[in-house]
Amino acid sequence: MRDGIRILLFRELQQIQQETVARGSCPIDDKHTAEQIYDAYAALGGNGTGTAMNDYIQHAKIPDNHA
């Protein structure tokens, strides 16, 4: 069950990261959501690629209309 939840959290994080790449930026709300997802993912033993995705999201530019 934990593995399944970790996979679903990874997928959610991956979706935010893909949207961030497509937009070239990441709104603050999405950054916050990604951080919450990542914290739960990491608590279930996830790391590596998920960490890299979260780092990318957290360091992405915030859109001008959300600054």
Protein backbone atom coordinates (compact mmCIF):
# COMPACT_ATOMS: atom_id res chain seq x y z
CA MET A 1 0.00 0.00 0.00
CA ARG A 2 2.84 2.42 0.89
CA ASP A 3 4.49 1.78 -2.46
CA GLY A 4 1.25 2.57 -4.29
CA ILE A 5 0.79 5.84 -2.39
CA ARG A 6 4.43 6.78 -3.00
CA ILE A 7 3.97 6.14 -6.73
CA LEU A 8 0.84 8.30 -6.85
CA LEU A 9 2.61 11.12 -5.02
CA PHE A 10 5.55 10.81 -7.43
CA ARG A 11 3.12 11.08 -10.35
CA GLU A 12 1.55 14.25 -8.92
CA LEU A 13 4.98 15.79 -8.43
CA GLN A 14 5.91 14.79 -11.97
CA GLN A 15 2.79 16.50 -13.32
CA ILE A 16 3.65 19.80 -11.60
CA GLN A 17 7.22 19.56 -12.86
CA GLN A 18 6.08 18.95 -16.44
CA GLU A 19 3.69 21.92 -16.25
CA THR A 20 6.53 24.06 -14.88
CA VAL A 21 8.78 23.08 -17.78
CA ALA A 22 6.01 23.80 -20.31
CA ARG A 23 5.25 27.25 -18.81
CA GLY A 24 8.82 28.15 -18.01
CA SER A 25 7.68 29.24 -14.55
CA CYS A 26 5.78 28.01 -11.50
CA PRO A 27 3.13 29.91 -9.50
CA ILE A 28 3.64 30.14 -5.75
CA ASP A 29 0.59 27.98 -5.05
CA ASP A 30 2.01 25.18 -7.21
CA LYS A 31 5.37 25.47 -5.45
CA HIS A 32 3.61 25.10 -2.09
CA THR A 33 1.58 22.12 -3.32
CA ALA A 34 4.71 20.46 -4.71
CA GLU A 35 6.49 20.92 -1.38
CA GLN A 36 3.61 19.27 0.49
CA ILE A 37 3.52 16.39 -1.99
CA TYR A 38 7.29 15.99 -1.78
CA ASP A 39 7.28 15.95 2.03
CA ALA A 40 4.73 13.11 2.04
CA TYR A 41 6.61 11.31 -0.75
CA ALA A 42 9.93 11.56 1.11
CA ALA A 43 8.30 10.38 4.36
CA LEU A 44 7.29 7.21 2.50
CA GLY A 45 10.88 6.59 1.46
CA GLY A 46 10.85 8.30 -1.92
CA ASN A 47 13.96 10.18 -3.00
CA GLY A 48 16.29 10.66 -5.97
CA THR A 49 14.23 11.67 -8.98
CA GLY A 50 11.44 13.09 -6.81
CA THR A 51 13.99 15.25 -4.98
CA ALA A 52 15.35 16.54 -8.29
CA MET A 53 11.85 17.34 -9.55
CA ASN A 54 10.96 19.21 -6.38
CA ASP A 55 14.22 21.14 -6.49
CA TYR A 56 13.49 22.14 -10.09
CA ILE A 57 9.99 23.32 -9.14
CA GLN A 58 11.17 25.25 -6.08
CA HIS A 59 13.90 27.04 -8.08
CA ALA A 60 11.65 27.84 -11.07
CA LYS A 61 10.81 31.44 -11.85
CA ILE A 62 7.53 32.76 -10.45
CA PRO A 63 5.31 34.16 -13.22
CA ASP A 64 5.23 37.97 -13.37
CA ASN A 65 1.49 38.05 -12.72
CA HIS A 66 1.99 36.08 -9.46
CA ALA A 67 4.89 38.04 -7.96
